[in-house]
Amino acid sequence: MSRKCELTGKSVQYGCNVSHANNKLPRRFLPNLQNVSFLSESTGHTVSFRVTAHGIRTVEAKGGLDKYLLDANDSVLSHKAKALKKILKGKIQ
């Protein structure tokens, strides 16, 4: 499993630990990934995603998973999220 949010695309960032003596050592900043089940109102099923805490708040602020996916850019979504978005577009039309 990659360390990447399936809805927002946020992934590992790289930087340095800097000591008091200004020594710089490489490190990784890992995203706060959570396994979360969202309810899709259109399909009536629960869908589980590996999402960051920021992604969970964003989905709730947009008004649910369906509304978030319809507004989201396809370049940041995972394959599972893109497939669900395609199903949602079919149900709306």
Protein backbone atom coordinates (compact mmCIF):
# COMPACT_ATOMS: atom_id res chain seq x y z
CA MET A 1 0.00 0.00 0.00
CA SER A 2 1.32 3.40 -0.86
CA ARG A 3 1.29 6.19 1.70
CA LYS A 4 -1.06 8.38 -0.30
CA CYS A 5 -4.54 9.73 0.37
CA GLU A 6 -7.03 8.18 -2.07
CA LEU A 7 -9.22 11.30 -2.21
CA THR A 8 -6.89 14.30 -1.94
CA GLY A 9 -3.67 12.83 -3.36
CA LYS A 10 -1.56 13.98 -0.41
CA SER A 11 1.58 11.85 -0.08
CA VAL A 12 4.91 11.65 1.73
CA GLN A 13 6.97 14.85 1.89
CA TYR A 14 10.73 15.05 2.45
CA GLY A 15 12.74 17.47 4.53
CA CYS A 16 15.43 17.69 7.19
CA ASN A 17 15.67 17.41 10.95
CA VAL A 18 17.70 20.40 12.06
CA SER A 19 19.52 20.11 15.39
CA HIS A 20 20.43 22.89 17.79
CA ALA A 21 23.94 22.77 16.26
CA ASN A 22 22.31 23.27 12.82
CA ASN A 23 23.14 19.72 11.66
CA LYS A 24 20.73 18.66 8.93
CA LEU A 25 19.60 15.03 8.68
CA PRO A 26 17.11 13.79 6.07
CA ARG A 27 13.66 12.70 7.22
CA ARG A 28 10.19 11.94 5.86
CA PHE A 29 6.93 13.61 6.81
CA LEU A 30 4.22 10.93 6.62
CA PRO A 31 0.55 11.84 6.03
CA ASN A 32 -1.95 11.03 8.79
CA LEU A 33 -3.74 8.21 6.96
CA GLN A 34 -6.90 6.62 8.38
CA ASN A 35 -9.06 3.76 7.11
CA VAL A 36 -12.54 5.29 6.84
CA SER A 37 -15.88 4.05 5.52
CA PHE A 38 -18.04 6.68 3.84
CA LEU A 39 -21.71 6.26 2.98
CA SER A 40 -22.55 6.97 -0.64
CA GLU A 41 -26.06 8.42 -0.62
CA SER A 42 -26.72 7.78 -4.32
CA THR A 43 -25.75 4.09 -4.31
CA GLY A 44 -26.71 3.37 -0.69
CA HIS A 45 -23.46 1.47 -0.02
CA THR A 46 -20.55 2.15 2.28
CA VAL A 47 -17.18 2.57 0.60
CA SER A 48 -13.88 2.33 2.48
CA PHE A 49 -10.94 4.55 1.60
CA ARG A 50 -7.50 5.24 3.06
CA VAL A 51 -7.78 8.98 3.66
CA THR A 52 -5.86 11.66 5.56
CA ALA A 53 -7.50 13.45 8.48
CA HIS A 54 -7.56 16.59 6.31
CA GLY A 55 -9.40 14.62 3.60
CA ILE A 56 -12.05 13.47 6.08
CA ARG A 57 -12.73 17.05 7.14
CA THR A 58 -12.88 18.16 3.50
CA VAL A 59 -15.44 15.49 2.57
CA GLU A 60 -17.62 16.46 5.53
CA ALA A 61 -17.35 20.18 4.69
CA LYS A 62 -18.41 19.55 1.06
CA GLY A 63 -21.56 17.76 2.27
CA GLY A 64 -20.70 14.09 1.81
CA LEU A 65 -18.72 11.73 -0.38
CA ASP A 66 -20.95 12.06 -3.44
CA LYS A 67 -20.70 15.85 -3.61
CA TYR A 68 -16.95 15.77 -2.96
CA LEU A 69 -16.26 13.24 -5.74
CA LEU A 70 -18.35 15.11 -8.31
CA ASP A 71 -16.35 18.31 -7.64
CA ALA A 72 -12.92 16.63 -7.30
CA ASN A 73 -10.23 16.67 -9.97
CA ASP A 74 -9.58 13.22 -11.49
CA SER A 75 -5.80 13.64 -11.30
CA VAL A 76 -5.75 13.35 -7.48
CA LEU A 77 -8.29 10.51 -7.11
CA SER A 78 -7.39 6.82 -6.83
CA HIS A 79 -8.71 4.21 -9.27
CA LYS A 80 -11.42 3.14 -6.81
CA ALA A 81 -12.56 6.74 -6.31
CA LYS A 82 -12.61 7.36 -10.09
CA ALA A 83 -14.77 4.26 -10.60
CA LEU A 84 -17.22 5.44 -7.93
CA LYS A 85 -17.30 8.92 -9.50
CA LYS A 86 -18.18 7.36 -12.87
CA ILE A 87 -21.05 5.41 -11.26
CA LEU A 88 -22.32 8.59 -9.57
CA LYS A 89 -22.30 10.53 -12.85
CA GLY A 90 -24.31 7.72 -14.46
CA LYS A 91 -26.93 7.79 -11.69
CA ILE A 92 -27.32 11.58 -11.90
CA GLN A 93 -28.04 11.55 -15.65
